[in-house]
Amino acid sequence: MDLTWMAWTWQTAIFFAMIALMLLGMMVWEYVSPGGAPRVGVLRFETTRGDRLFISLLATAYIHLGWLALTDVSLWGATIVSIVFAVAVFRWV
């Protein structure tokens, strides 16, 4: 299989490893505390843990893309913004 179309670097490996770790963490969380009853947050619709993770992952992608498009600053800033956003989503959405 020819995978030369993508820049497979250690940063790419860490990216995919982090997504795998988040999914593994959600599986463990569900095993330890089953159910995670849906709740209504600031968006005014029911969300579960999985919904909030999905919202966080999508927002992280958009934050990083916007960061790349609008600034020349290191992506660490976008990563910090994304982490803060994800914490807020899990807390209030």
N, C-alpha and C. Protein backbone atom coordinates (compact mmCIF):
# COMPACT_ATOMS: atom_id res chain seq x y z
N MET A 1 0.85 -1.17 0.00
CA MET A 1 0.00 0.00 0.00
C MET A 1 0.90 1.24 0.00
N ASP A 2 0.61 2.16 -0.90
CA ASP A 2 1.41 3.37 -1.03
C ASP A 2 0.85 4.47 -0.13
N LEU A 3 1.55 4.78 0.97
CA LEU A 3 1.10 5.81 1.90
C LEU A 3 1.96 7.08 1.83
N THR A 4 2.64 7.29 0.72
CA THR A 4 3.52 8.45 0.60
C THR A 4 2.77 9.75 0.39
N TRP A 5 1.47 9.70 0.18
CA TRP A 5 0.69 10.91 -0.04
C TRP A 5 0.56 11.74 1.24
N MET A 6 0.81 11.13 2.41
CA MET A 6 0.67 11.84 3.67
C MET A 6 2.02 11.92 4.37
N ALA A 7 2.23 13.03 5.04
CA ALA A 7 3.48 13.22 5.78
C ALA A 7 3.40 12.46 7.10
N TRP A 8 3.84 11.22 7.11
CA TRP A 8 3.80 10.39 8.32
C TRP A 8 4.99 10.74 9.19
N THR A 9 4.75 11.61 10.15
CA THR A 9 5.80 12.07 11.06
C THR A 9 5.43 11.66 12.47
N TRP A 10 6.32 11.94 13.42
CA TRP A 10 6.02 11.61 14.81
C TRP A 10 4.83 12.43 15.30
N GLN A 11 4.65 13.65 14.78
CA GLN A 11 3.50 14.47 15.18
C GLN A 11 2.19 13.83 14.72
N THR A 12 2.21 13.27 13.51
CA THR A 12 1.02 12.58 13.01
C THR A 12 0.72 11.36 13.87
N ALA A 13 1.75 10.63 14.25
CA ALA A 13 1.56 9.45 15.10
C ALA A 13 0.98 9.85 16.45
N ILE A 14 1.48 10.94 17.02
CA ILE A 14 0.93 11.41 18.31
C ILE A 14 -0.53 11.82 18.16
N PHE A 15 -0.87 12.47 17.06
CA PHE A 15 -2.25 12.88 16.80
C PHE A 15 -3.18 11.67 16.84
N PHE A 16 -2.85 10.64 16.07
CA PHE A 16 -3.70 9.45 16.03
C PHE A 16 -3.68 8.70 17.35
N ALA A 17 -2.55 8.69 18.04
CA ALA A 17 -2.46 8.04 19.34
C ALA A 17 -3.35 8.75 20.36
N MET A 18 -3.41 10.08 20.31
CA MET A 18 -4.25 10.83 21.25
C MET A 18 -5.73 10.54 21.01
N ILE A 19 -6.14 10.45 19.76
CA ILE A 19 -7.54 10.10 19.47
C ILE A 19 -7.84 8.70 19.99
N ALA A 20 -6.92 7.76 19.77
CA ALA A 20 -7.12 6.40 20.28
C ALA A 20 -7.19 6.39 21.81
N LEU A 21 -6.33 7.17 22.46
CA LEU A 21 -6.36 7.24 23.93
C LEU A 21 -7.66 7.86 24.44
N MET A 22 -8.18 8.87 23.73
CA MET A 22 -9.46 9.47 24.14
C MET A 22 -10.58 8.44 24.04
N LEU A 23 -10.60 7.69 22.94
CA LEU A 23 -11.64 6.66 22.79
C LEU A 23 -11.50 5.57 23.85
N LEU A 24 -10.26 5.17 24.13
CA LEU A 24 -10.02 4.18 25.18
C LEU A 24 -10.47 4.72 26.53
N GLY A 25 -10.15 5.98 26.79
CA GLY A 25 -10.57 6.62 28.05
C GLY A 25 -12.09 6.65 28.18
N MET A 26 -12.78 6.94 27.08
CA MET A 26 -14.24 6.95 27.12
C MET A 26 -14.79 5.55 27.37
N MET A 27 -14.13 4.54 26.81
CA MET A 27 -14.57 3.15 27.05
C MET A 27 -14.39 2.78 28.52
N VAL A 28 -13.27 3.14 29.09
CA VAL A 28 -13.02 2.85 30.51
C VAL A 28 -14.02 3.60 31.37
N TRP A 29 -14.26 4.88 31.07
CA TRP A 29 -15.21 5.70 31.83
C TRP A 29 -16.59 5.07 31.78
N GLU A 30 -17.02 4.60 30.61
CA GLU A 30 -18.32 3.96 30.48
C GLU A 30 -18.37 2.64 31.24
N TYR A 31 -17.27 1.91 31.27
CA TYR A 31 -17.22 0.64 32.00
C TYR A 31 -17.32 0.89 33.51
N VAL A 32 -16.58 1.89 33.99
CA VAL A 32 -16.56 2.20 35.42
C VAL A 32 -17.87 2.82 35.87
N SER A 33 -18.41 3.71 35.06
CA SER A 33 -19.64 4.42 35.40
C SER A 33 -20.61 4.32 34.22
N PRO A 34 -21.33 3.18 34.11
CA PRO A 34 -22.20 2.97 32.95
C PRO A 34 -23.33 3.99 32.86
N GLY A 35 -23.74 4.20 31.64
CA GLY A 35 -24.91 5.05 31.43
C GLY A 35 -24.55 6.47 31.08
N GLY A 36 -24.05 7.20 32.04
CA GLY A 36 -23.76 8.60 31.78
C GLY A 36 -24.99 9.29 31.23
N ALA A 37 -26.02 9.37 32.04
CA ALA A 37 -27.33 9.86 31.61
C ALA A 37 -27.21 11.13 30.77
N PRO A 38 -27.97 11.20 29.68
CA PRO A 38 -27.98 12.41 28.86
C PRO A 38 -28.39 13.61 29.69
N ARG A 39 -27.85 14.76 29.33
CA ARG A 39 -28.22 15.98 30.04
C ARG A 39 -28.39 17.11 29.05
N VAL A 40 -29.10 18.13 29.47
CA VAL A 40 -29.34 19.31 28.65
C VAL A 40 -28.44 20.41 29.17
N GLY A 41 -27.60 20.93 28.30
CA GLY A 41 -26.67 21.98 28.69
C GLY A 41 -27.02 23.30 28.04
N VAL A 42 -26.00 24.12 27.81
CA VAL A 42 -26.22 25.46 27.26
C VAL A 42 -26.74 25.43 25.82
N LEU A 43 -26.54 24.35 25.10
CA LEU A 43 -27.04 24.26 23.73
C LEU A 43 -28.52 23.89 23.67
N ARG A 44 -29.08 23.54 24.80
CA ARG A 44 -30.51 23.23 24.96
C ARG A 44 -30.96 22.00 24.21
N PHE A 45 -30.08 21.01 24.07
CA PHE A 45 -30.49 19.69 23.59
C PHE A 45 -29.71 18.64 24.36
N GLU A 46 -30.28 17.43 24.41
CA GLU A 46 -29.66 16.35 25.18
C GLU A 46 -28.35 15.91 24.54
N THR A 47 -27.33 15.76 25.38
CA THR A 47 -26.06 15.21 24.91
C THR A 47 -25.58 14.14 25.88
N THR A 48 -24.90 13.15 25.34
CA THR A 48 -24.26 12.13 26.16
C THR A 48 -22.76 12.38 26.16
N ARG A 49 -22.01 11.57 26.88
CA ARG A 49 -20.55 11.72 26.90
C ARG A 49 -19.98 11.61 25.49
N GLY A 50 -20.47 10.63 24.74
CA GLY A 50 -19.99 10.43 23.38
C GLY A 50 -20.28 11.62 22.48
N ASP A 51 -21.47 12.21 22.65
CA ASP A 51 -21.82 13.41 21.89
C ASP A 51 -20.86 14.55 22.20
N ARG A 52 -20.57 14.71 23.48
CA ARG A 52 -19.67 15.80 23.89
C ARG A 52 -18.25 15.57 23.39
N LEU A 53 -17.80 14.31 23.35
CA LEU A 53 -16.49 14.01 22.79
C LEU A 53 -16.47 14.34 21.29
N PHE A 54 -17.52 13.95 20.58
CA PHE A 54 -17.61 14.23 19.15
C PHE A 54 -17.60 15.73 18.88
N ILE A 55 -18.38 16.49 19.64
CA ILE A 55 -18.40 17.95 19.50
C ILE A 55 -17.01 18.51 19.75
N SER A 56 -16.34 18.02 20.77
CA SER A 56 -14.99 18.48 21.11
C SER A 56 -13.99 18.18 19.99
N LEU A 57 -14.06 16.98 19.42
CA LEU A 57 -13.14 16.61 18.34
C LEU A 57 -13.38 17.46 17.09
N LEU A 58 -14.66 17.67 16.73
CA LEU A 58 -14.95 18.52 15.57
C LEU A 58 -14.47 19.95 15.80
N ALA A 59 -14.75 20.48 16.98
CA ALA A 59 -14.33 21.85 17.29
C ALA A 59 -12.81 21.97 17.27
N THR A 60 -12.12 20.95 17.77
CA THR A 60 -10.66 20.96 17.75
C THR A 60 -10.13 21.04 16.33
N ALA A 61 -10.73 20.30 15.42
CA ALA A 61 -10.31 20.35 14.02
C ALA A 61 -10.52 21.75 13.46
N TYR A 62 -11.67 22.35 13.73
CA TYR A 62 -11.94 23.69 13.20
C TYR A 62 -11.06 24.75 13.85
N ILE A 63 -10.80 24.62 15.12
CA ILE A 63 -9.91 25.56 15.80
C ILE A 63 -8.52 25.51 15.17
N HIS A 64 -8.00 24.31 14.95
CA HIS A 64 -6.67 24.18 14.35
C HIS A 64 -6.64 24.67 12.90
N LEU A 65 -7.67 24.37 12.13
CA LEU A 65 -7.71 24.86 10.75
C LEU A 65 -7.79 26.38 10.71
N GLY A 66 -8.62 26.95 11.56
CA GLY A 66 -8.71 28.41 11.63
C GLY A 66 -7.40 29.03 12.07
N TRP A 67 -6.76 28.40 13.03
CA TRP A 67 -5.46 28.88 13.52
C TRP A 67 -4.43 28.90 12.39
N LEU A 68 -4.40 27.80 11.62
CA LEU A 68 -3.47 27.73 10.49
C LEU A 68 -3.78 28.77 9.42
N ALA A 69 -5.06 29.02 9.19
CA ALA A 69 -5.47 29.97 8.15
C ALA A 69 -5.23 31.42 8.56
N LEU A 70 -5.37 31.72 9.84
CA LEU A 70 -5.38 33.12 10.26
C LEU A 70 -4.10 33.61 10.94
N THR A 71 -3.24 32.69 11.38
CA THR A 71 -2.04 33.13 12.09
C THR A 71 -0.81 32.37 11.61
N ASP A 72 0.33 32.90 11.97
CA ASP A 72 1.60 32.20 11.72
C ASP A 72 2.20 31.71 13.03
N VAL A 73 1.42 31.79 14.10
CA VAL A 73 1.87 31.41 15.43
C VAL A 73 1.86 29.89 15.54
N SER A 74 2.69 29.35 16.42
CA SER A 74 2.80 27.92 16.63
C SER A 74 1.43 27.29 16.96
N LEU A 75 1.24 26.06 16.54
CA LEU A 75 -0.03 25.36 16.79
C LEU A 75 -0.25 25.01 18.25
N TRP A 76 0.75 25.18 19.09
CA TRP A 76 0.55 24.91 20.51
C TRP A 76 -0.53 25.80 21.08
N GLY A 77 -0.65 27.01 20.59
CA GLY A 77 -1.73 27.90 21.04
C GLY A 77 -3.10 27.33 20.71
N ALA A 78 -3.25 26.81 19.49
CA ALA A 78 -4.52 26.20 19.10
C ALA A 78 -4.81 24.96 19.94
N THR A 79 -3.77 24.22 20.27
CA THR A 79 -3.95 23.03 21.10
C THR A 79 -4.45 23.41 22.49
N ILE A 80 -3.87 24.46 23.06
CA ILE A 80 -4.31 24.92 24.38
C ILE A 80 -5.76 25.41 24.33
N VAL A 81 -6.09 26.18 23.30
CA VAL A 81 -7.48 26.65 23.13
C VAL A 81 -8.42 25.45 22.99
N SER A 82 -8.01 24.44 22.24
CA SER A 82 -8.84 23.25 22.04
C SER A 82 -9.06 22.48 23.34
N ILE A 83 -8.02 22.36 24.15
CA ILE A 83 -8.16 21.67 25.43
C ILE A 83 -9.12 22.41 26.35
N VAL A 84 -8.97 23.72 26.41
CA VAL A 84 -9.88 24.53 27.24
C VAL A 84 -11.31 24.40 26.73
N PHE A 85 -11.48 24.43 25.41
CA PHE A 85 -12.81 24.28 24.82
C PHE A 85 -13.41 22.92 25.15
N ALA A 86 -12.61 21.86 25.03
CA ALA A 86 -13.10 20.51 25.33
C ALA A 86 -13.54 20.37 26.79
N VAL A 87 -12.76 20.94 27.69
CA VAL A 87 -13.13 20.91 29.11
C VAL A 87 -14.45 21.64 29.32
N ALA A 88 -14.61 22.78 28.66
CA ALA A 88 -15.85 23.55 28.77
C ALA A 88 -17.04 22.77 28.20
N VAL A 89 -16.83 22.09 27.09
CA VAL A 89 -17.90 21.29 26.49
C VAL A 89 -18.32 20.18 27.45
N PHE A 90 -17.37 19.47 28.03
CA PHE A 90 -17.73 18.39 28.95
C PHE A 90 -18.36 18.93 30.23
N ARG A 91 -18.04 20.14 30.57
CA ARG A 91 -18.59 20.73 31.81
C ARG A 91 -20.00 21.31 31.60
N TRP A 92 -20.20 22.05 30.50
CA TRP A 92 -21.44 22.83 30.36
C TRP A 92 -22.35 22.46 29.20
N VAL A 93 -21.93 21.57 28.32
CA VAL A 93 -22.81 21.26 27.17
C VAL A 93 -23.59 19.99 27.47
